[in-house]
Amino acid sequence: MMHKQFTSRDVVAMTGITPRQLQWWDEQRVVVPAKEGHRRLYSLQDLAEVAVICEFRRRGFSLQRVRKVMRFLQQEFGKRLAETVSGASDYHLLTDGSNFYLETDARQIVDILKNSRQPMLAVCLSDTVRQVRAVMRGTLKKGNVSVSGTPEKRRRRQVS
């Protein structure tokens, strides 16, 4: 089965990252695409990771911090992000600015929030990967492509 590959130009158009940032992320081994000569070719898994990293960067997290989170997720699940969140469940990554929590079940977040007095930022990993897949299926053909900045299910939760 042939898997869709995306050029650097596609990834830039879909995520809002700059071409230089994308190149630097490859050089720093944050997201490493396949290479075909001088061209970088990104898989769906690569694209999903770039989209999630961009989401955290837009929210003010350092790249070093985001890399640690991405490494943790890969180690925790033993597979890449797009493969992990491919099911029907929603996965949210929560942070109070210093700690990160992974919500895989709605009951788990209640326990986390009960014991916290700080605002929590939630990023729905599942939504980000679904947006990438939706763009890949249809919008890419129309030329009006973006997986960044859509507010669907992205929210800031205030804890009292």
Protein backbone atom coordinates (compact mmCIF):
# COMPACT_ATOMS: atom_id res chain seq x y z
CA MET A 1 0.00 0.00 0.00
CA MET A 2 1.44 3.37 -1.03
CA HIS A 3 1.46 6.04 1.66
CA LYS A 4 0.97 9.70 0.82
CA GLN A 5 4.09 11.80 1.12
CA PHE A 6 4.19 15.55 1.53
CA THR A 7 6.81 17.97 0.30
CA SER A 8 8.24 20.70 2.51
CA ARG A 9 6.01 23.15 0.63
CA ASP A 10 2.92 21.06 1.53
CA VAL A 11 3.91 20.92 5.21
CA VAL A 12 4.55 24.68 5.31
CA ALA A 13 1.15 25.37 3.71
CA MET A 14 -0.73 23.03 6.06
CA THR A 15 0.90 23.97 9.36
CA GLY A 16 2.05 27.57 9.04
CA ILE A 17 5.64 26.69 9.94
CA THR A 18 8.32 28.58 8.03
CA PRO A 19 10.50 26.71 5.54
CA ARG A 20 13.60 27.58 7.62
CA GLN A 21 12.01 26.25 10.83
CA LEU A 22 11.12 23.01 9.08
CA GLN A 23 14.67 22.67 7.73
CA TRP A 24 16.13 23.40 11.17
CA TRP A 25 13.84 20.81 12.80
CA ASP A 26 15.20 18.25 10.34
CA GLU A 27 18.79 19.30 11.06
CA GLN A 28 18.15 19.04 14.82
CA ARG A 29 16.36 15.68 14.34
CA VAL A 30 13.07 16.96 15.81
CA VAL A 31 11.10 15.57 12.85
CA VAL A 32 13.20 13.72 10.30
CA PRO A 33 11.60 13.25 6.88
CA ALA A 34 12.66 10.82 4.19
CA LYS A 35 15.03 12.29 1.63
CA GLU A 36 14.90 11.95 -2.12
CA GLY A 37 17.94 13.76 -3.45
CA HIS A 38 17.68 17.26 -1.97
CA ARG A 39 13.92 16.97 -1.43
CA ARG A 40 12.44 16.27 1.98
CA LEU A 41 9.37 14.02 1.92
CA TYR A 42 7.13 13.89 4.99
CA SER A 43 4.83 11.00 5.90
CA LEU A 44 1.43 11.41 7.58
CA GLN A 45 3.16 10.61 10.88
CA ASP A 46 5.75 13.34 10.27
CA LEU A 47 3.04 15.82 9.29
CA ALA A 48 0.99 15.04 12.41
CA GLU A 49 4.04 15.55 14.63
CA VAL A 50 4.89 18.86 12.95
CA ALA A 51 1.28 20.02 13.44
CA VAL A 52 1.29 19.09 17.15
CA ILE A 53 4.69 20.70 17.72
CA CYS A 54 3.51 23.86 15.94
CA GLU A 55 0.44 23.94 18.19
CA PHE A 56 2.63 23.87 21.32
CA ARG A 57 5.04 26.45 19.90
CA ARG A 58 2.11 28.80 19.13
CA ARG A 59 1.12 28.45 22.77
CA GLY A 60 4.54 29.55 23.95
CA PHE A 61 6.36 26.31 24.79
CA SER A 62 10.05 26.02 23.99
CA LEU A 63 11.12 23.55 21.34
CA GLN A 64 13.30 21.77 23.89
CA ARG A 65 10.27 21.27 26.14
CA VAL A 66 8.09 20.07 23.27
CA ARG A 67 10.76 17.59 22.17
CA LYS A 68 10.72 16.04 25.66
CA VAL A 69 6.94 15.71 25.52
CA MET A 70 7.05 14.12 22.06
CA ARG A 71 9.75 11.69 23.19
CA PHE A 72 7.70 10.80 26.27
CA LEU A 73 4.60 10.11 24.15
CA GLN A 74 6.55 7.90 21.77
CA GLN A 75 8.13 5.97 24.65
CA GLU A 76 4.84 5.70 26.53
CA PHE A 77 2.94 4.24 23.57
CA GLY A 78 5.79 2.60 21.68
CA LYS A 79 4.65 4.05 18.37
CA ARG A 80 4.33 7.35 16.55
CA LEU A 81 1.71 9.95 17.43
CA ALA A 82 -0.52 9.46 14.38
CA GLU A 83 -0.64 5.70 15.03
CA THR A 84 -1.36 6.21 18.74
CA VAL A 85 -4.35 8.51 18.30
CA SER A 86 -5.90 6.74 15.33
CA GLY A 87 -8.76 5.21 17.33
CA ALA A 88 -12.07 6.74 18.34
CA SER A 89 -10.80 7.96 21.72
CA ASP A 90 -9.68 11.53 22.27
CA TYR A 91 -6.26 12.17 23.72
CA HIS A 92 -5.54 15.48 25.43
CA LEU A 93 -2.22 16.74 26.63
CA LEU A 94 -2.69 19.02 29.64
CA THR A 95 -0.24 21.35 31.28
CA ASP A 96 -0.19 23.84 34.12
CA GLY A 97 2.90 25.44 32.65
CA SER A 98 5.41 23.21 34.38
CA ASN A 99 3.98 19.68 34.32
CA PHE A 100 2.37 17.77 31.48
CA TYR A 101 -0.42 15.24 31.86
CA LEU A 102 -1.87 12.89 29.29
CA GLU A 103 -5.61 12.38 29.37
CA THR A 104 -6.75 9.21 27.65
CA ASP A 105 -9.99 8.84 29.59
CA ALA A 106 -12.45 11.54 30.74
CA ARG A 107 -12.39 10.16 34.30
CA GLN A 108 -8.65 10.67 34.65
CA ILE A 109 -8.77 14.40 34.01
CA VAL A 110 -11.22 14.90 36.89
CA ASP A 111 -8.67 13.55 39.36
CA ILE A 112 -5.93 15.77 37.94
CA LEU A 113 -8.09 18.87 38.03
CA LYS A 114 -9.38 18.26 41.58
CA ASN A 115 -5.87 18.54 42.95
CA SER A 116 -4.76 21.55 40.92
CA ARG A 117 -5.28 25.26 41.52
CA GLN A 118 -3.56 26.49 38.37
CA PRO A 119 -5.09 27.05 34.93
CA MET A 120 -4.70 24.06 32.67
CA LEU A 121 -4.05 24.28 28.95
CA ALA A 122 -5.47 21.39 26.95
CA VAL A 123 -4.40 20.44 23.44
CA CYS A 124 -6.43 17.72 21.78
CA LEU A 125 -3.87 15.50 20.07
CA SER A 126 -6.63 13.50 18.39
CA ASP A 127 -8.15 16.61 16.78
CA THR A 128 -4.79 17.71 15.42
CA VAL A 129 -4.16 14.31 13.82
CA ARG A 130 -7.76 14.16 12.49
CA GLN A 131 -7.31 17.60 10.91
CA VAL A 132 -4.14 16.44 9.19
CA ARG A 133 -5.97 13.38 7.85
CA ALA A 134 -8.94 15.48 6.68
CA VAL A 135 -6.63 17.86 4.87
CA MET A 136 -4.83 14.92 3.32
CA ARG A 137 -8.12 13.39 2.08
CA GLY A 138 -9.70 16.38 0.44
CA THR A 139 -8.66 19.91 1.08
CA LEU A 140 -5.16 19.41 -0.30
CA LYS A 141 -6.63 18.93 -3.78
CA LYS A 142 -8.46 22.27 -3.55
CA GLY A 143 -5.32 24.20 -2.66
CA ASN A 144 -6.92 25.81 0.40
CA VAL A 145 -4.97 23.98 3.06
CA SER A 146 -4.43 24.56 6.77
CA VAL A 147 -4.33 22.50 9.93
CA SER A 148 -3.28 25.39 12.09
CA GLY A 149 -5.39 27.72 14.15
CA THR A 150 -8.70 25.88 14.03
CA PRO A 151 -10.41 26.29 17.41
CA GLU A 152 -12.30 23.01 17.38
CA LYS A 153 -12.02 21.40 20.82
CA ARG A 154 -8.95 23.48 21.65
CA ARG A 155 -9.67 25.21 24.86
CA ARG A 156 -8.18 26.73 27.94
CA ARG A 157 -9.58 25.22 31.12
CA GLN A 158 -9.63 27.33 34.24
CA VAL A 159 -9.56 25.45 37.49
CA SER A 160 -11.02 27.04 40.60
